[in-house]
């Protein structure tokens, strides 16, 4: 039997990165976060893994992780995590002194204690783009001081079979500094990127025959067979659809989005309405024949390529490459936040699969 490598996920959120590692055959034993709803989602979707609520601004809490692992006699092969680093994100104001930028230090301190074979850290592109890449340099240097040779690389999600325009930086560090991790090459050419329609076209429309948007049921049946390989993959372990609840827009929004062609936004509105919107992504309608825009945590500005409503949590999860058997918990806002904050599981799986080649 081949060994099942063990994995701990710090700043786990719902567990997109660790789901990718699970799908690659890793044994995820623990997820750590501070969000109750996300931890509930993590625990329900990661087999026997434990979920632990800790404030990692307080580095003394790292000892609780170590105590838990020692008590269960668990040796950890890989430490993974996506620490929040809002100061480097292009989505909000860039603040190099945002205290969340230093949360990754919790990963450094835990790695120093646990000495896993490898560390995988995921973050926003600003890490290597803002202020000459000062964030990335800090991470590489801090991990080098405890014996890990960190290699950063910007990965583009559509090139790995994910139907979403999303760029993220991955850092992979190996404890053996004579070896340097080489990232997997792109798997999908641009002309073969998975499109929105290929990703979510089989899900119920949540509209009546006369066009009225409805909420839908907590649990729904598939109305057709999978139309392509991506849908087959998403549906492989699921008999029903969950988290596919509609949000009924106000009349003004319904009227405005009906005027926006697919792939366009508020700028395509007639002149008399265009001035009502200032946010650059307002009324963005996805294009059926392209990957979606980057899934965010609010979802009030993005709309279905065909229907005049925002995507459901399940549709957003599909665009993030979460399979349908991955169920999100909490209220609807919390579920959207979990999906938007997550690492696409298929991206995690690609990195995890390659990493296996470097482990003992």
Protein backbone atom coordinates (compact mmCIF):
# COMPACT_ATOMS: atom_id res chain seq x y z
CA UNK A 1 0.00 0.00 0.00
CA UNK A 2 1.21 3.48 -0.78
CA UNK A 3 1.39 5.85 2.16
CA UNK A 4 -1.37 8.41 2.58
CA UNK A 5 0.30 11.72 3.25
CA UNK A 6 -1.18 13.81 6.07
CA UNK A 7 -2.17 17.43 5.72
CA UNK A 8 -3.23 20.33 7.99
CA UNK A 9 -5.08 23.34 6.50
CA UNK A 10 -4.51 26.70 8.23
CA UNK A 11 -6.95 29.54 7.43
CA UNK A 12 -8.98 26.73 5.88
CA UNK A 13 -12.26 28.55 5.28
CA UNK A 14 -14.69 26.04 3.79
CA UNK A 15 -11.75 23.94 2.64
CA UNK A 16 -11.28 24.38 -1.10
CA UNK A 17 -7.53 23.84 -0.95
CA UNK A 18 -7.80 20.83 1.35
CA UNK A 19 -10.60 19.34 -0.79
CA UNK A 20 -8.11 19.47 -3.67
CA UNK A 21 -5.54 17.66 -1.52
CA UNK A 22 -8.16 15.08 -0.52
CA UNK A 23 -9.01 14.48 -4.17
CA UNK A 24 -5.31 13.94 -4.82
CA UNK A 25 -5.27 11.20 -2.16
CA UNK A 26 -4.02 13.10 0.90
CA UNK A 27 -5.40 12.53 4.40
CA UNK A 28 -6.62 15.91 5.63
CA UNK A 29 -6.65 15.68 9.44
CA UNK A 30 -7.35 19.24 10.60
CA UNK A 31 -8.71 22.57 9.41
CA UNK A 32 -8.19 25.77 11.40
CA UNK A 33 -10.17 28.98 10.94
CA UNK A 34 -12.09 31.62 12.93
CA UNK A 35 -15.38 31.54 10.98
CA UNK A 36 -18.04 29.29 12.53
CA UNK A 37 -20.07 28.70 9.35
CA UNK A 38 -16.93 27.95 7.30
CA UNK A 39 -15.72 25.49 9.95
CA UNK A 40 -19.08 23.71 9.92
CA UNK A 41 -18.76 23.41 6.12
CA UNK A 42 -15.17 22.19 6.44
CA UNK A 43 -16.03 19.50 9.00
CA UNK A 44 -19.03 18.18 7.05
CA UNK A 45 -17.03 17.83 3.82
CA UNK A 46 -13.67 16.41 4.90
CA UNK A 47 -14.38 12.93 6.22
CA UNK A 48 -12.96 12.42 9.70
CA UNK A 49 -10.97 15.68 9.72
CA UNK A 50 -11.39 17.87 12.78
CA UNK A 51 -12.28 21.58 12.56
CA UNK A 52 -10.69 23.92 15.12
CA UNK A 53 -11.70 27.52 15.81
CA UNK A 54 -8.63 29.62 16.63
CA UNK A 55 -7.63 33.27 16.38
CA UNK A 56 -4.26 33.10 14.64
CA UNK A 57 -3.49 36.76 15.25
CA UNK A 58 -2.63 35.34 18.68
CA UNK A 59 0.36 33.15 17.91
CA UNK A 60 0.17 31.46 21.31
CA UNK A 61 -2.82 29.55 19.87
CA UNK A 62 -0.42 27.64 17.62
CA UNK A 63 0.43 25.51 20.64
CA UNK A 64 -3.18 24.24 20.69
CA UNK A 65 -2.69 22.83 17.19
CA UNK A 66 0.54 21.14 18.22
CA UNK A 67 -1.08 19.71 21.38
CA UNK A 68 -3.99 18.34 19.34
CA UNK A 69 -1.68 16.62 16.84
CA UNK A 70 0.59 15.22 19.55
CA UNK A 71 -2.36 13.87 21.53
CA UNK A 72 -3.48 11.94 18.44
CA UNK A 73 0.08 10.97 17.52
CA UNK A 74 -0.25 12.57 14.08
CA UNK A 75 2.86 13.37 12.05
CA UNK A 76 2.14 16.00 9.40
CA UNK A 77 3.62 15.69 5.91
CA UNK A 78 2.23 18.90 4.38
CA UNK A 79 1.05 22.19 5.87
CA UNK A 80 -1.27 24.12 3.55
CA UNK A 81 -3.07 27.44 3.92
CA UNK A 82 -4.40 30.62 2.36
CA UNK A 83 -3.78 33.34 4.96
CA UNK A 84 -5.78 36.56 4.39
CA UNK A 85 -3.53 39.29 3.02
CA UNK A 86 -6.00 42.04 2.17
CA UNK A 87 -3.30 44.71 1.98
CA UNK A 88 -2.02 43.12 -1.23
CA UNK A 89 -5.40 42.57 -2.89
CA UNK A 90 -6.44 44.64 -5.90
CA UNK A 91 -10.08 44.18 -4.85
CA UNK A 92 -9.79 46.70 -2.02
CA UNK A 93 -7.49 49.49 -0.85
CA UNK A 94 -3.88 48.35 -0.81
CA UNK A 95 -2.39 48.85 2.61
CA UNK A 96 1.07 47.39 3.15
CA UNK A 97 0.62 47.84 6.91
CA UNK A 98 -2.70 46.00 7.12
CA UNK A 99 -2.10 43.68 10.08
CA UNK A 100 -3.70 40.79 8.17
CA UNK A 101 -0.66 40.83 5.87
CA UNK A 102 1.37 39.22 8.66
CA UNK A 103 -1.04 36.34 9.34
CA UNK A 104 1.14 34.06 7.21
CA UNK A 105 3.69 34.23 10.06
CA UNK A 106 1.42 31.78 11.92
CA UNK A 107 2.18 29.29 9.13
CA UNK A 108 5.92 29.97 9.49
CA UNK A 109 5.80 29.37 13.24
CA UNK A 110 3.72 26.20 12.91
CA UNK A 111 5.99 24.85 10.15
CA UNK A 112 9.03 25.50 12.36
CA UNK A 113 7.48 23.37 15.09
CA UNK A 114 5.95 20.58 12.99
CA UNK A 115 8.72 20.35 10.36
CA UNK A 116 6.44 18.98 7.59
CA UNK A 117 8.05 17.77 4.37
CA UNK A 118 6.39 20.60 2.44
CA UNK A 119 4.44 23.84 2.85
CA UNK A 120 1.86 25.12 0.35
CA UNK A 121 0.67 28.71 0.71
CA UNK A 122 -1.92 30.30 -1.62
CA UNK A 123 -2.51 34.01 -1.99
CA UNK A 124 -3.55 36.98 -4.13
CA UNK A 125 -1.49 38.07 -7.19
CA UNK A 126 -0.68 41.33 -5.40
CA UNK A 127 1.82 39.36 -3.36
CA UNK A 128 4.20 39.32 -6.32
CA UNK A 129 2.92 42.48 -8.04
CA UNK A 130 2.54 45.14 -5.34
CA UNK A 131 5.56 47.25 -4.33
CA UNK A 132 8.03 45.13 -6.28
CA UNK A 133 6.70 41.89 -4.83
CA UNK A 134 7.67 42.77 -1.27
CA UNK A 135 5.03 40.40 0.14
CA UNK A 136 6.35 37.41 -1.77
CA UNK A 137 9.94 38.25 -0.83
CA UNK A 138 8.99 38.35 2.85
CA UNK A 139 7.34 34.94 2.63
CA UNK A 140 10.27 33.36 0.76
CA UNK A 141 12.78 34.82 3.21
CA UNK A 142 10.89 33.88 6.38
CA UNK A 143 10.46 30.28 5.26
CA UNK A 144 14.09 30.07 4.10
CA UNK A 145 15.16 30.93 7.65
CA UNK A 146 13.43 27.79 8.95
CA UNK A 147 14.72 25.54 6.16
CA UNK A 148 12.12 25.69 3.36
CA UNK A 149 12.93 26.72 -0.20
CA UNK A 150 9.73 28.49 -1.28
CA UNK A 151 8.97 28.76 -5.00
CA UNK A 152 6.17 31.19 -5.98
CA UNK A 153 4.19 30.95 -9.20
CA UNK A 154 1.12 32.70 -10.56
CA UNK A 155 -1.45 30.12 -11.69
CA UNK A 156 -4.30 30.95 -14.06
CA UNK A 157 -7.33 28.82 -13.21
CA UNK A 158 -8.76 28.26 -16.76
CA UNK A 159 -5.46 26.67 -17.80
CA UNK A 160 -6.14 23.90 -15.26
CA UNK A 161 -9.71 23.14 -16.28
CA UNK A 162 -11.52 25.60 -14.00
CA UNK A 163 -14.31 27.63 -15.68
CA UNK A 164 -13.37 30.92 -14.05
CA UNK A 165 -10.96 33.76 -14.77
CA UNK A 166 -8.99 33.62 -11.55
CA UNK A 167 -5.30 34.24 -10.90
CA UNK A 168 -3.69 33.14 -7.65
CA UNK A 169 -0.12 32.87 -6.41
CA UNK A 170 0.98 29.55 -4.98
CA UNK A 171 4.13 29.16 -2.90
CA UNK A 172 5.42 25.62 -2.53
CA UNK A 173 8.33 25.04 -0.19
CA UNK A 174 10.25 21.79 0.29
CA UNK A 175 12.13 21.02 3.48
CA UNK A 176 14.95 19.44 1.49
CA UNK A 177 16.59 22.54 0.06
CA UNK A 178 18.58 20.60 -2.54
CA UNK A 179 15.31 20.19 -4.47
CA UNK A 180 13.14 22.94 -5.88
CA UNK A 181 9.47 22.39 -6.63
CA UNK A 182 8.49 22.65 -10.29
CA UNK A 183 4.87 23.60 -10.92
CA UNK A 184 2.70 21.61 -13.31
CA UNK A 185 2.43 23.01 -16.81
CA UNK A 186 -0.90 24.36 -18.07
CA UNK A 187 -3.30 21.53 -18.93
CA UNK A 188 -5.84 23.34 -21.11
CA UNK A 189 -5.26 25.57 -24.15
CA UNK A 190 -7.21 28.83 -24.41
CA UNK A 191 -9.51 27.55 -27.15
CA UNK A 192 -10.53 24.67 -24.87
CA UNK A 193 -11.21 26.62 -21.66
CA UNK A 194 -14.32 25.33 -19.85
CA UNK A 195 -17.15 27.83 -20.36
CA UNK A 196 -19.94 29.00 -18.05
CA UNK A 197 -22.50 27.07 -20.03
CA UNK A 198 -20.43 23.90 -19.90
CA UNK A 199 -20.05 24.35 -16.15
CA UNK A 200 -23.60 25.20 -15.03
CA UNK A 201 -25.88 24.72 -18.05
CA UNK A 202 -27.40 21.52 -16.61
CA UNK A 203 -28.66 23.17 -13.39
CA UNK A 204 -32.36 24.12 -13.06
CA UNK A 205 -33.14 27.65 -14.30
CA UNK A 206 -35.23 28.57 -11.20
CA UNK A 207 -37.69 30.30 -13.49
CA UNK A 208 -41.33 29.54 -14.23
CA UNK A 209 -42.57 29.16 -17.80
CA UNK A 210 -43.66 32.80 -17.83
CA UNK A 211 -40.21 33.96 -16.76
CA UNK A 212 -40.80 34.59 -13.05
CA UNK A 213 -37.75 33.83 -10.89
CA UNK A 214 -38.39 31.38 -8.04
CA UNK A 215 -36.42 30.36 -4.97
CA UNK A 216 -36.33 26.62 -5.64
CA UNK A 217 -36.14 23.82 -3.08
CA UNK A 218 -33.43 23.02 -0.52
CA UNK A 219 -32.82 19.79 -2.40
CA UNK A 220 -33.51 19.46 -6.12
CA UNK A 221 -33.29 16.77 -8.75
CA UNK A 222 -31.19 16.95 -11.88
CA UNK A 223 -33.45 17.60 -14.86
CA UNK A 224 -31.13 16.15 -17.50
CA UNK A 225 -28.09 13.95 -17.95
CA UNK A 226 -24.61 15.56 -17.74
CA UNK A 227 -23.88 17.35 -21.01
CA UNK A 228 -20.07 17.13 -20.91
CA UNK A 229 -17.08 15.79 -18.97
CA UNK A 230 -16.96 18.73 -16.57
CA UNK A 231 -20.58 18.22 -15.52
CA UNK A 232 -19.93 14.48 -15.15
CA UNK A 233 -17.03 15.26 -12.82
CA UNK A 234 -19.10 17.70 -10.75
CA UNK A 235 -22.01 15.25 -10.45
CA UNK A 236 -20.01 12.04 -9.98
CA UNK A 237 -20.83 11.55 -6.27
CA UNK A 238 -24.14 13.39 -6.01
CA UNK A 239 -27.72 12.29 -6.64
CA UNK A 240 -29.32 15.67 -5.78
CA UNK A 241 -28.54 19.39 -6.06
CA UNK A 242 -28.09 21.41 -2.87
CA UNK A 243 -27.31 25.11 -2.28
CA UNK A 244 -29.22 25.96 -5.50
CA UNK A 245 -31.57 28.58 -4.05
CA UNK A 246 -32.56 31.59 -6.13
CA UNK A 247 -32.31 35.24 -5.08
CA UNK A 248 -35.17 37.29 -6.44
CA UNK A 249 -33.87 40.71 -7.55
CA UNK A 250 -35.79 43.95 -6.99
CA UNK A 251 -37.79 45.17 -9.98
CA UNK A 252 -35.26 47.87 -10.90
CA UNK A 253 -32.40 45.35 -11.02
CA UNK A 254 -34.49 42.85 -12.98
CA UNK A 255 -35.32 45.56 -15.52
CA UNK A 256 -31.70 46.74 -15.82
CA UNK A 257 -30.06 43.32 -16.15
CA UNK A 258 -32.61 42.38 -18.84
CA UNK A 259 -31.06 45.18 -20.94
CA UNK A 260 -27.49 43.86 -20.58
CA UNK A 261 -26.29 41.39 -23.26
CA UNK A 262 -24.21 38.41 -22.15
CA UNK A 263 -20.59 39.21 -21.50
CA UNK A 264 -21.34 42.91 -20.92
CA UNK A 265 -21.98 45.13 -17.88
CA UNK A 266 -23.73 48.39 -16.95
CA UNK A 267 -21.77 50.22 -19.66
CA UNK A 268 -23.99 48.49 -22.24
CA UNK A 269 -27.13 50.12 -20.78
CA UNK A 270 -28.94 52.91 -22.67
CA UNK A 271 -27.51 56.37 -21.87
CA UNK A 272 -30.29 57.34 -19.48
CA UNK A 273 -29.49 54.42 -17.13
CA UNK A 274 -25.72 54.16 -17.37
CA UNK A 275 -25.08 56.96 -14.90
CA UNK A 276 -26.94 55.08 -12.17
CA UNK A 277 -23.93 52.81 -11.66
CA UNK A 278 -20.37 53.64 -10.62
CA UNK A 279 -18.88 50.27 -9.56
CA UNK A 280 -16.80 48.94 -12.47
CA UNK A 281 -18.29 45.42 -12.27
CA UNK A 282 -21.91 46.51 -11.77
CA UNK A 283 -24.48 44.41 -13.68
CA UNK A 284 -21.83 42.07 -15.10
CA UNK A 285 -23.51 39.29 -17.05
CA UNK A 286 -21.37 36.22 -17.59
CA UNK A 287 -20.76 35.02 -21.16
CA UNK A 288 -22.05 31.51 -21.87
CA UNK A 289 -19.08 30.69 -24.12
CA UNK A 290 -16.32 31.93 -21.81
CA UNK A 291 -15.15 31.19 -18.26
CA UNK A 292 -16.86 33.33 -15.62
CA UNK A 293 -15.40 36.43 -14.03
CA UNK A 294 -13.56 35.88 -10.74
CA UNK A 295 -16.09 34.68 -8.17
CA UNK A 296 -16.24 37.23 -5.37
CA UNK A 297 -17.70 37.04 -1.86
CA UNK A 298 -20.79 39.19 -2.42
CA UNK A 299 -22.15 38.17 -5.83
CA UNK A 300 -24.56 41.08 -6.08
CA UNK A 301 -22.85 42.47 -9.18
CA UNK A 302 -22.55 39.27 -11.25
CA UNK A 303 -25.46 37.75 -13.17
CA UNK A 304 -26.27 34.49 -14.92
CA UNK A 305 -25.40 34.46 -18.62
CA UNK A 306 -29.03 33.68 -19.52
CA UNK A 307 -31.38 34.25 -16.56
CA UNK A 308 -32.01 37.65 -14.96
CA UNK A 309 -30.71 36.73 -11.52
CA UNK A 310 -27.43 36.38 -9.68
CA UNK A 311 -25.85 32.91 -9.74
CA UNK A 312 -26.84 30.62 -6.89
CA UNK A 313 -24.32 29.36 -4.35
CA UNK A 314 -24.23 26.04 -6.27
CA UNK A 315 -23.62 27.75 -9.61
CA UNK A 316 -20.81 29.80 -8.07
CA UNK A 317 -19.40 26.66 -6.46
CA UNK A 318 -19.42 24.88 -9.84
CA UNK A 319 -17.52 27.81 -11.37
CA UNK A 320 -15.02 27.41 -8.53
CA UNK A 321 -14.77 23.65 -9.32
CA UNK A 322 -16.46 22.46 -6.11
CA UNK A 323 -18.24 19.19 -6.90
CA UNK A 324 -21.96 18.92 -6.13
CA UNK A 325 -21.40 16.60 -3.15
CA UNK A 326 -19.63 19.48 -1.37
CA UNK A 327 -22.42 21.11 0.67
CA UNK A 328 -22.14 24.64 2.11
CA UNK A 329 -23.57 25.56 5.52
CA UNK A 330 -24.59 28.81 7.20
CA UNK A 331 -26.94 31.47 5.87
CA UNK A 332 -26.85 32.38 2.19
CA UNK A 333 -24.46 35.33 2.69
CA UNK A 334 -22.07 33.11 4.64
CA UNK A 335 -22.22 30.44 1.93
CA UNK A 336 -21.43 32.99 -0.81
CA UNK A 337 -18.50 34.26 1.25
CA UNK A 338 -17.16 30.73 1.73
CA UNK A 339 -17.31 30.04 -2.01
CA UNK A 340 -15.72 33.38 -2.98
CA UNK A 341 -12.87 33.07 -0.47
CA UNK A 342 -12.01 29.51 -1.43
CA UNK A 343 -9.17 28.10 -3.47
CA UNK A 344 -10.67 26.22 -6.45
CA UNK A 345 -10.37 22.55 -5.39
CA UNK A 346 -9.20 21.48 -8.86
CA UNK A 347 -6.33 23.97 -8.62
CA UNK A 348 -5.38 22.54 -5.24
CA UNK A 349 -5.58 19.02 -6.66
CA UNK A 350 -3.20 19.82 -9.53
CA UNK A 351 -0.59 21.22 -7.11
CA UNK A 352 -1.09 18.36 -4.63
CA UNK A 353 -0.72 15.69 -7.33
CA UNK A 354 2.59 17.19 -8.49
CA UNK A 355 3.80 17.59 -4.91
CA UNK A 356 3.49 13.85 -4.28
CA UNK A 357 6.50 13.33 -6.56
CA UNK A 358 8.66 15.22 -4.06
CA UNK A 359 7.54 13.53 -0.84
CA UNK A 360 9.35 10.60 0.77
